[in-house]
């Protein structure tokens, strides 16, 4: 996946697990935009504000997980 991210100049974002109650406070709006008949599986548009994310893989091939292994 890292090569595709470099090719298409995209990033892969991650967040800290185990903080879902906190993260739910960051959702400002949610609405169904397609396939409403599928209910929970419908396509939703979610507006989120100030969500704390990390760039795991950047557009240059950088990898936060590999970098963490280099720290002594």
C-alpha atoms as a PDB file:
ATOM      1  CA  UNK A   1       0.000   0.000   0.000  1.00  0.00           C
ATOM      2  CA  UNK A   2       2.904   2.379   0.681  1.00  0.00           C
ATOM      3  CA  UNK A   3       3.949   2.360  -2.972  1.00  0.00           C
ATOM      4  CA  UNK A   4       0.411   3.254  -4.062  1.00  0.00           C
ATOM      5  CA  UNK A   5       0.305   6.089  -1.538  1.00  0.00           C
ATOM      6  CA  UNK A   6       3.555   7.468  -2.981  1.00  0.00           C
ATOM      7  CA  UNK A   7       2.326   7.045  -6.555  1.00  0.00           C
ATOM      8  CA  UNK A   8      -0.948   8.871  -5.932  1.00  0.00           C
ATOM      9  CA  UNK A   9       0.504  11.348  -3.406  1.00  0.00           C
ATOM     10  CA  UNK A  10      -1.790  10.227  -0.634  1.00  0.00           C
ATOM     11  CA  UNK A  11      -1.405   9.670   3.082  1.00  0.00           C
ATOM     12  CA  UNK A  12      -2.618   6.959   5.439  1.00  0.00           C
ATOM     13  CA  UNK A  13      -3.987   8.320   8.703  1.00  0.00           C
ATOM     14  CA  UNK A  14      -4.338   6.468  12.003  1.00  0.00           C
ATOM     15  CA  UNK A  15      -5.651   7.338  15.432  1.00  0.00           C
ATOM     16  CA  UNK A  16      -5.169   6.069  18.941  1.00  0.00           C
ATOM     17  CA  UNK A  17      -7.431   3.157  19.797  1.00  0.00           C
ATOM     18  CA  UNK A  18      -9.572   2.867  22.886  1.00  0.00           C
ATOM     19  CA  UNK A  19     -10.853   6.448  22.908  1.00  0.00           C
ATOM     20  CA  UNK A  20     -14.128   6.060  21.034  1.00  0.00           C
ATOM     21  CA  UNK A  21     -16.188   7.984  23.615  1.00  0.00           C
ATOM     22  CA  UNK A  22     -13.854  10.958  23.216  1.00  0.00           C
ATOM     23  CA  UNK A  23     -13.823  10.647  19.427  1.00  0.00           C
ATOM     24  CA  UNK A  24     -17.618  10.703  19.292  1.00  0.00           C
ATOM     25  CA  UNK A  25     -17.504  14.287  20.611  1.00  0.00           C
ATOM     26  CA  UNK A  26     -15.658  15.296  17.429  1.00  0.00           C
ATOM     27  CA  UNK A  27     -18.543  14.304  15.107  1.00  0.00           C
ATOM     28  CA  UNK A  28     -20.377  17.502  14.178  1.00  0.00           C
ATOM     29  CA  UNK A  29     -22.825  16.173  11.560  1.00  0.00           C
ATOM     30  CA  UNK A  30     -23.745  12.891   9.917  1.00  0.00           C
ATOM     31  CA  UNK A  31     -26.150  12.197   7.073  1.00  0.00           C
ATOM     32  CA  UNK A  32     -26.918   9.421   4.631  1.00  0.00           C
ATOM     33  CA  UNK A  33     -25.942  10.359   1.080  1.00  0.00           C
ATOM     34  CA  UNK A  34     -26.609   7.090  -0.776  1.00  0.00           C
ATOM     35  CA  UNK A  35     -28.334   3.721  -0.392  1.00  0.00           C
ATOM     36  CA  UNK A  36     -30.536   4.793   2.525  1.00  0.00           C
ATOM     37  CA  UNK A  37     -32.410   1.492   2.269  1.00  0.00           C
ATOM     38  CA  UNK A  38     -29.264  -0.238   3.572  1.00  0.00           C
ATOM     39  CA  UNK A  39     -29.589   1.596   6.904  1.00  0.00           C
ATOM     40  CA  UNK A  40     -26.314   1.134   8.849  1.00  0.00           C
ATOM     41  CA  UNK A  41     -24.520   0.008   5.679  1.00  0.00           C
ATOM     42  CA  UNK A  42     -25.621   3.084   3.706  1.00  0.00           C
ATOM     43  CA  UNK A  43     -23.032   5.590   2.496  1.00  0.00           C
ATOM     44  CA  UNK A  44     -22.736   8.340   5.094  1.00  0.00           C
ATOM     45  CA  UNK A  45     -21.176  11.781   5.004  1.00  0.00           C
ATOM     46  CA  UNK A  46     -19.594  12.529   8.365  1.00  0.00           C
ATOM     47  CA  UNK A  47     -18.348  15.978   9.353  1.00  0.00           C
ATOM     48  CA  UNK A  48     -15.599  15.753  11.964  1.00  0.00           C
ATOM     49  CA  UNK A  49     -13.792  18.626  13.669  1.00  0.00           C
ATOM     50  CA  UNK A  50     -10.390  18.548  15.403  1.00  0.00           C
ATOM     51  CA  UNK A  51      -9.886  14.798  15.175  1.00  0.00           C
ATOM     52  CA  UNK A  52      -6.420  13.875  16.508  1.00  0.00           C
ATOM     53  CA  UNK A  53      -4.767  11.790  13.773  1.00  0.00           C
ATOM     54  CA  UNK A  54      -1.239  10.653  12.964  1.00  0.00           C
ATOM     55  CA  UNK A  55       0.186  10.338   9.460  1.00  0.00           C
ATOM     56  CA  UNK A  56       1.250   6.691   9.408  1.00  0.00           C
ATOM     57  CA  UNK A  57       2.484   6.650   5.794  1.00  0.00           C
ATOM     58  CA  UNK A  58       3.329   9.848   3.952  1.00  0.00           C
ATOM     59  CA  UNK A  59       3.660  10.753   0.247  1.00  0.00           C
ATOM     60  CA  UNK A  60       7.432  10.180   0.364  1.00  0.00           C
ATOM     61  CA  UNK A  61       7.263   6.626   1.671  1.00  0.00           C
ATOM     62  CA  UNK A  62       7.807   7.611   5.289  1.00  0.00           C
ATOM     63  CA  UNK A  63       6.475   5.113   7.812  1.00  0.00           C
ATOM     64  CA  UNK A  64       5.781   6.126  11.420  1.00  0.00           C
ATOM     65  CA  UNK A  65       5.872   2.488  12.537  1.00  0.00           C
ATOM     66  CA  UNK A  66       9.307   1.800  11.023  1.00  0.00           C
ATOM     67  CA  UNK A  67      10.582   5.110  12.409  1.00  0.00           C
ATOM     68  CA  UNK A  68       9.437   4.114  15.901  1.00  0.00           C
ATOM     69  CA  UNK A  69      11.529   0.940  15.669  1.00  0.00           C
ATOM     70  CA  UNK A  70      14.652   3.038  15.010  1.00  0.00           C
ATOM     71  CA  UNK A  71      14.322   4.911  18.304  1.00  0.00           C
ATOM     72  CA  UNK A  72      16.546   3.436  20.984  1.00  0.00           C
END
